[in-house]
Amino acid sequence: MNRPVRSTVVFAMGSGFVVVPLAIMLHAYLPWPAALKLALWTDLALYGVLLARWSGTRLLSVLFPLAVLLGVALWPQAYNGFFMLALGVFSWIRSGICFQNAPVRALMAEAITVVGGSAMLLFFGSQGYAAWALNICLFFLFQSLYFFMVPWRARHRDPEASQDAFEDAVAEARRILDGV
């Protein structure tokens, strides 16, 4: 299991445990829909920062999409629009800003993971705090499939380096034997 998959799974577990209590704490100061939208925005912003760090992208690059989403989160009466825009911003950050390799493959991976994760939310959707926590956790678990479909290190590979693991092993063995 590579680093983004493992980290996304851990992030999913943490999100399941943190987002709902954060929304409950914010509910003391804001109405429930706004509190939930801000908690979800915070979770998405943290994941956007993680994606930017994994891809080597500047954090400033993810600032504009997150600022747009924050504006919609603070806008009253924008409930369904917020969730749809959140999915769009999520895809924009992941495939449009952070991981720009293999555009057709990334588009297919985004479609599968976002539609699949959203379908899980609708299928397991229910009212209640435990259901929201489980849904958030399941959504991010489904998102970890993206890194199986789109290789995450392709942007950082040296173009002169060999792409074959066997070739790399042979070169390393020759280097060791020549040094002896």
C-alpha atoms as a PDB file:
ATOM      1  CA  MET A   1       0.000   0.000   0.000  1.00  0.00           C
ATOM      2  CA  ASN A   2       1.561   3.298  -1.044  1.00  0.00           C
ATOM      3  CA  ARG A   3       1.705   6.423   1.070  1.00  0.00           C
ATOM      4  CA  PRO A   4      -1.333   8.348  -0.266  1.00  0.00           C
ATOM      5  CA  VAL A   5      -3.571   5.294   0.026  1.00  0.00           C
ATOM      6  CA  ARG A   6      -2.475   4.593   3.586  1.00  0.00           C
ATOM      7  CA  SER A   7      -2.674   8.262   4.546  1.00  0.00           C
ATOM      8  CA  THR A   8      -6.125   8.636   2.958  1.00  0.00           C
ATOM      9  CA  VAL A   9      -7.376   5.640   4.934  1.00  0.00           C
ATOM     10  CA  VAL A  10      -6.012   7.146   8.155  1.00  0.00           C
ATOM     11  CA  PHE A  11      -7.475  10.521   7.171  1.00  0.00           C
ATOM     12  CA  ALA A  12     -10.841   8.823   6.589  1.00  0.00           C
ATOM     13  CA  MET A  13     -10.827   7.393  10.087  1.00  0.00           C
ATOM     14  CA  GLY A  14      -9.821  10.725  11.586  1.00  0.00           C
ATOM     15  CA  SER A  15     -12.466  12.569   9.589  1.00  0.00           C
ATOM     16  CA  GLY A  16     -15.121  10.196  10.815  1.00  0.00           C
ATOM     17  CA  PHE A  17     -14.155  10.938  14.393  1.00  0.00           C
ATOM     18  CA  VAL A  18     -13.522  14.688  14.105  1.00  0.00           C
ATOM     19  CA  VAL A  19     -15.962  16.295  11.645  1.00  0.00           C
ATOM     20  CA  VAL A  20     -19.187  15.624  13.520  1.00  0.00           C
ATOM     21  CA  PRO A  21     -17.857  16.749  16.946  1.00  0.00           C
ATOM     22  CA  LEU A  22     -16.433  19.858  15.259  1.00  0.00           C
ATOM     23  CA  ALA A  23     -19.842  20.569  13.712  1.00  0.00           C
ATOM     24  CA  ILE A  24     -21.487  20.095  17.117  1.00  0.00           C
ATOM     25  CA  MET A  25     -19.038  22.564  18.692  1.00  0.00           C
ATOM     26  CA  LEU A  26     -19.644  25.083  15.894  1.00  0.00           C
ATOM     27  CA  HIS A  27     -23.399  24.586  16.332  1.00  0.00           C
ATOM     28  CA  ALA A  28     -23.145  26.469  19.620  1.00  0.00           C
ATOM     29  CA  TYR A  29     -22.354  29.610  17.581  1.00  0.00           C
ATOM     30  CA  LEU A  30     -23.968  28.936  14.198  1.00  0.00           C
ATOM     31  CA  PRO A  31     -27.120  27.262  12.903  1.00  0.00           C
ATOM     32  CA  TRP A  32     -26.678  23.541  12.208  1.00  0.00           C
ATOM     33  CA  PRO A  33     -26.392  23.648   8.395  1.00  0.00           C
ATOM     34  CA  ALA A  34     -23.714  26.342   8.522  1.00  0.00           C
ATOM     35  CA  ALA A  35     -21.842  24.518  11.279  1.00  0.00           C
ATOM     36  CA  LEU A  36     -21.861  21.274   9.303  1.00  0.00           C
ATOM     37  CA  LYS A  37     -20.773  23.036   6.097  1.00  0.00           C
ATOM     38  CA  LEU A  38     -17.860  24.721   7.909  1.00  0.00           C
ATOM     39  CA  ALA A  39     -16.798  21.443   9.499  1.00  0.00           C
ATOM     40  CA  LEU A  40     -16.870  19.734   6.102  1.00  0.00           C
ATOM     41  CA  TRP A  41     -14.981  22.653   4.553  1.00  0.00           C
ATOM     42  CA  THR A  42     -12.304  22.346   7.269  1.00  0.00           C
ATOM     43  CA  ASP A  43     -11.977  18.640   6.537  1.00  0.00           C
ATOM     44  CA  LEU A  44     -11.701  19.235   2.811  1.00  0.00           C
ATOM     45  CA  ALA A  45      -9.169  22.038   3.363  1.00  0.00           C
ATOM     46  CA  LEU A  46      -6.974  19.719   5.434  1.00  0.00           C
ATOM     47  CA  TYR A  47      -7.173  17.044   2.764  1.00  0.00           C
ATOM     48  CA  GLY A  48      -6.375  19.644   0.098  1.00  0.00           C
ATOM     49  CA  VAL A  49      -3.238  20.589   2.028  1.00  0.00           C
ATOM     50  CA  LEU A  50      -2.272  16.918   2.237  1.00  0.00           C
ATOM     51  CA  LEU A  51      -2.799  16.489  -1.509  1.00  0.00           C
ATOM     52  CA  ALA A  52      -0.691  19.562  -2.216  1.00  0.00           C
ATOM     53  CA  ARG A  53       2.119  18.273  -0.011  1.00  0.00           C
ATOM     54  CA  TRP A  54       2.076  14.802  -1.617  1.00  0.00           C
ATOM     55  CA  SER A  55       2.245  16.222  -5.115  1.00  0.00           C
ATOM     56  CA  GLY A  56       4.814  18.910  -4.363  1.00  0.00           C
ATOM     57  CA  THR A  57       2.335  21.634  -5.355  1.00  0.00           C
ATOM     58  CA  ARG A  58       2.478  25.012  -3.642  1.00  0.00           C
ATOM     59  CA  LEU A  59      -0.161  25.491  -0.959  1.00  0.00           C
ATOM     60  CA  LEU A  60      -1.113  28.774  -2.576  1.00  0.00           C
ATOM     61  CA  SER A  61      -2.446  26.810  -5.568  1.00  0.00           C
ATOM     62  CA  VAL A  62      -5.248  25.229  -3.538  1.00  0.00           C
ATOM     63  CA  LEU A  63      -6.168  28.487  -1.818  1.00  0.00           C
ATOM     64  CA  PHE A  64      -8.514  29.824  -4.517  1.00  0.00           C
ATOM     65  CA  PRO A  65     -10.728  26.720  -4.832  1.00  0.00           C
ATOM     66  CA  LEU A  66     -10.935  26.461  -1.051  1.00  0.00           C
ATOM     67  CA  ALA A  67     -11.788  30.169  -0.748  1.00  0.00           C
ATOM     68  CA  VAL A  68     -14.628  29.759  -3.256  1.00  0.00           C
ATOM     69  CA  LEU A  69     -15.939  26.790  -1.303  1.00  0.00           C
ATOM     70  CA  LEU A  70     -15.676  28.721   1.974  1.00  0.00           C
ATOM     71  CA  GLY A  71     -17.754  31.500   0.460  1.00  0.00           C
ATOM     72  CA  VAL A  72     -20.456  29.019  -0.471  1.00  0.00           C
ATOM     73  CA  ALA A  73     -20.222  27.393   2.968  1.00  0.00           C
ATOM     74  CA  LEU A  74     -20.915  30.752   4.594  1.00  0.00           C
ATOM     75  CA  TRP A  75     -23.699  31.606   2.154  1.00  0.00           C
ATOM     76  CA  PRO A  76     -27.078  30.975   3.784  1.00  0.00           C
ATOM     77  CA  GLN A  77     -29.545  28.639   2.086  1.00  0.00           C
ATOM     78  CA  ALA A  78     -26.851  27.036  -0.093  1.00  0.00           C
ATOM     79  CA  TYR A  79     -27.114  23.413   1.027  1.00  0.00           C
ATOM     80  CA  ASN A  80     -27.229  21.187  -2.037  1.00  0.00           C
ATOM     81  CA  GLY A  81     -25.103  23.647  -3.971  1.00  0.00           C
ATOM     82  CA  PHE A  82     -22.432  23.443  -1.293  1.00  0.00           C
ATOM     83  CA  PHE A  83     -22.225  19.667  -1.461  1.00  0.00           C
ATOM     84  CA  MET A  84     -22.101  19.621  -5.260  1.00  0.00           C
ATOM     85  CA  LEU A  85     -19.479  22.379  -5.319  1.00  0.00           C
ATOM     86  CA  ALA A  86     -17.491  20.566  -2.620  1.00  0.00           C
ATOM     87  CA  LEU A  87     -17.297  17.500  -4.847  1.00  0.00           C
ATOM     88  CA  GLY A  88     -16.226  19.683  -7.757  1.00  0.00           C
ATOM     89  CA  VAL A  89     -13.580  21.505  -5.711  1.00  0.00           C
ATOM     90  CA  PHE A  90     -12.365  18.181  -4.358  1.00  0.00           C
ATOM     91  CA  SER A  91     -11.884  16.899  -7.912  1.00  0.00           C
ATOM     92  CA  TRP A  92     -10.372  20.193  -9.061  1.00  0.00           C
ATOM     93  CA  ILE A  93      -7.767  20.146  -6.308  1.00  0.00           C
ATOM     94  CA  ARG A  94      -6.884  16.498  -6.739  1.00  0.00           C
ATOM     95  CA  SER A  95      -6.822  16.115 -10.518  1.00  0.00           C
ATOM     96  CA  GLY A  96      -6.592  19.675 -11.771  1.00  0.00           C
ATOM     97  CA  ILE A  97      -4.007  21.165  -9.445  1.00  0.00           C
ATOM     98  CA  CYS A  98      -2.144  18.469  -7.564  1.00  0.00           C
ATOM     99  CA  PHE A  99      -1.942  15.428  -9.832  1.00  0.00           C
ATOM    100  CA  GLN A 100      -1.852  16.610 -13.438  1.00  0.00           C
ATOM    101  CA  ASN A 101      -0.563  13.455 -15.092  1.00  0.00           C
ATOM    102  CA  ALA A 102      -2.567  11.108 -17.335  1.00  0.00           C
ATOM    103  CA  PRO A 103      -5.614  13.359 -17.926  1.00  0.00           C
ATOM    104  CA  VAL A 104      -7.925  10.678 -19.332  1.00  0.00           C
ATOM    105  CA  ARG A 105      -7.025   8.223 -16.592  1.00  0.00           C
ATOM    106  CA  ALA A 106      -7.395  10.922 -13.930  1.00  0.00           C
ATOM    107  CA  LEU A 107     -10.797  11.936 -15.319  1.00  0.00           C
ATOM    108  CA  MET A 108     -11.987   8.342 -15.234  1.00  0.00           C
ATOM    109  CA  ALA A 109     -10.602   7.862 -11.732  1.00  0.00           C
ATOM    110  CA  GLU A 110     -12.299  11.065 -10.552  1.00  0.00           C
ATOM    111  CA  ALA A 111     -15.606   9.989 -12.052  1.00  0.00           C
ATOM    112  CA  ILE A 112     -15.414   6.575 -10.422  1.00  0.00           C
ATOM    113  CA  THR A 113     -14.327   7.760  -6.994  1.00  0.00           C
ATOM    114  CA  VAL A 114     -16.532  10.848  -6.722  1.00  0.00           C
ATOM    115  CA  VAL A 115     -19.649   9.192  -8.119  1.00  0.00           C
ATOM    116  CA  GLY A 116     -18.957   6.018  -6.143  1.00  0.00           C
ATOM    117  CA  GLY A 117     -18.284   7.900  -2.917  1.00  0.00           C
ATOM    118  CA  SER A 118     -21.405  10.003  -3.416  1.00  0.00           C
ATOM    119  CA  ALA A 119     -23.454   6.890  -4.142  1.00  0.00           C
ATOM    120  CA  MET A 120     -22.232   5.411  -0.870  1.00  0.00           C
ATOM    121  CA  LEU A 121     -23.320   8.578   0.916  1.00  0.00           C
ATOM    122  CA  LEU A 122     -26.774   8.306  -0.627  1.00  0.00           C
ATOM    123  CA  PHE A 123     -27.033   4.571  -0.038  1.00  0.00           C
ATOM    124  CA  PHE A 124     -25.934   4.668   3.596  1.00  0.00           C
ATOM    125  CA  GLY A 125     -27.358   8.144   4.160  1.00  0.00           C
ATOM    126  CA  SER A 126     -29.369   8.621   7.276  1.00  0.00           C
ATOM    127  CA  GLN A 127     -30.094  11.264   9.811  1.00  0.00           C
ATOM    128  CA  GLY A 128     -27.988  11.197  12.938  1.00  0.00           C
ATOM    129  CA  TYR A 129     -24.505  11.941  14.126  1.00  0.00           C
ATOM    130  CA  ALA A 130     -23.210   8.381  13.894  1.00  0.00           C
ATOM    131  CA  ALA A 131     -24.505   8.062  10.331  1.00  0.00           C
ATOM    132  CA  TRP A 132     -22.769  11.305   9.291  1.00  0.00           C
ATOM    133  CA  ALA A 133     -19.488  10.140  10.839  1.00  0.00           C
ATOM    134  CA  LEU A 134     -19.747   6.780   9.081  1.00  0.00           C
ATOM    135  CA  ASN A 135     -20.642   8.438   5.768  1.00  0.00           C
ATOM    136  CA  ILE A 136     -17.673  10.798   5.917  1.00  0.00           C
ATOM    137  CA  CYS A 137     -15.360   7.915   6.750  1.00  0.00           C
ATOM    138  CA  LEU A 138     -16.749   5.764   3.912  1.00  0.00           C
ATOM    139  CA  PHE A 139     -16.503   8.625   1.425  1.00  0.00           C
ATOM    140  CA  PHE A 140     -12.796   9.131   2.088  1.00  0.00           C
ATOM    141  CA  LEU A 141     -12.157   5.389   2.135  1.00  0.00           C
ATOM    142  CA  PHE A 142     -13.649   5.232  -1.346  1.00  0.00           C
ATOM    143  CA  GLN A 143     -11.437   8.159  -2.374  1.00  0.00           C
ATOM    144  CA  SER A 144      -8.317   6.139  -1.581  1.00  0.00           C
ATOM    145  CA  LEU A 145      -9.075   4.081  -4.720  1.00  0.00           C
ATOM    146  CA  TYR A 146      -7.983   7.093  -6.790  1.00  0.00           C
ATOM    147  CA  PHE A 147      -4.341   6.404  -5.968  1.00  0.00           C
ATOM    148  CA  PHE A 148      -4.661   2.829  -7.178  1.00  0.00           C
ATOM    149  CA  MET A 149      -5.993   4.048 -10.515  1.00  0.00           C
ATOM    150  CA  VAL A 150      -3.652   7.018 -11.027  1.00  0.00           C
ATOM    151  CA  PRO A 151       0.011   6.656 -10.064  1.00  0.00           C
ATOM    152  CA  TRP A 152       0.927   9.435  -7.692  1.00  0.00           C
ATOM    153  CA  ARG A 153       4.702   9.602  -8.194  1.00  0.00           C
ATOM    154  CA  ALA A 154       4.621  10.026 -11.964  1.00  0.00           C
ATOM    155  CA  ARG A 155       5.145  13.788 -11.659  1.00  0.00           C
ATOM    156  CA  HIS A 156       8.390  13.401  -9.700  1.00  0.00           C
ATOM    157  CA  ARG A 157      10.084  10.731 -11.790  1.00  0.00           C
ATOM    158  CA  ASP A 158      13.389  11.536 -13.413  1.00  0.00           C
ATOM    159  CA  PRO A 159      12.888  11.309 -17.196  1.00  0.00           C
ATOM    160  CA  GLU A 160      16.372   9.812 -17.570  1.00  0.00           C
ATOM    161  CA  ALA A 161      15.752   7.110 -14.958  1.00  0.00           C
ATOM    162  CA  SER A 162      14.805   3.626 -16.009  1.00  0.00           C
ATOM    163  CA  GLN A 163      11.124   2.751 -15.683  1.00  0.00           C
ATOM    164  CA  ASP A 164      11.832  -0.964 -15.197  1.00  0.00           C
ATOM    165  CA  ALA A 165      12.474  -2.271 -11.685  1.00  0.00           C
ATOM    166  CA  PHE A 166      14.609  -5.125 -13.040  1.00  0.00           C
ATOM    167  CA  GLU A 167      16.824  -2.675 -14.941  1.00  0.00           C
ATOM    168  CA  ASP A 168      17.254  -0.632 -11.766  1.00  0.00           C
ATOM    169  CA  ALA A 169      18.189  -3.753  -9.779  1.00  0.00           C
ATOM    170  CA  VAL A 170      20.745  -4.852 -12.402  1.00  0.00           C
ATOM    171  CA  ALA A 171      22.315  -1.384 -12.441  1.00  0.00           C
ATOM    172  CA  GLU A 172      22.515  -1.371  -8.643  1.00  0.00           C
ATOM    173  CA  ALA A 173      24.100  -4.855  -8.603  1.00  0.00           C
ATOM    174  CA  ARG A 174      26.684  -3.773 -11.188  1.00  0.00           C
ATOM    175  CA  ARG A 175      27.479  -0.669  -9.161  1.00  0.00           C
ATOM    176  CA  ILE A 176      28.028  -2.787  -6.039  1.00  0.00           C
ATOM    177  CA  LEU A 177      30.196  -5.354  -7.852  1.00  0.00           C
ATOM    178  CA  ASP A 178      32.308  -2.663  -9.508  1.00  0.00           C
ATOM    179  CA  GLY A 179      32.945  -1.067  -6.132  1.00  0.00           C
ATOM    180  CA  VAL A 180      34.236  -4.335  -4.631  1.00  0.00           C
END
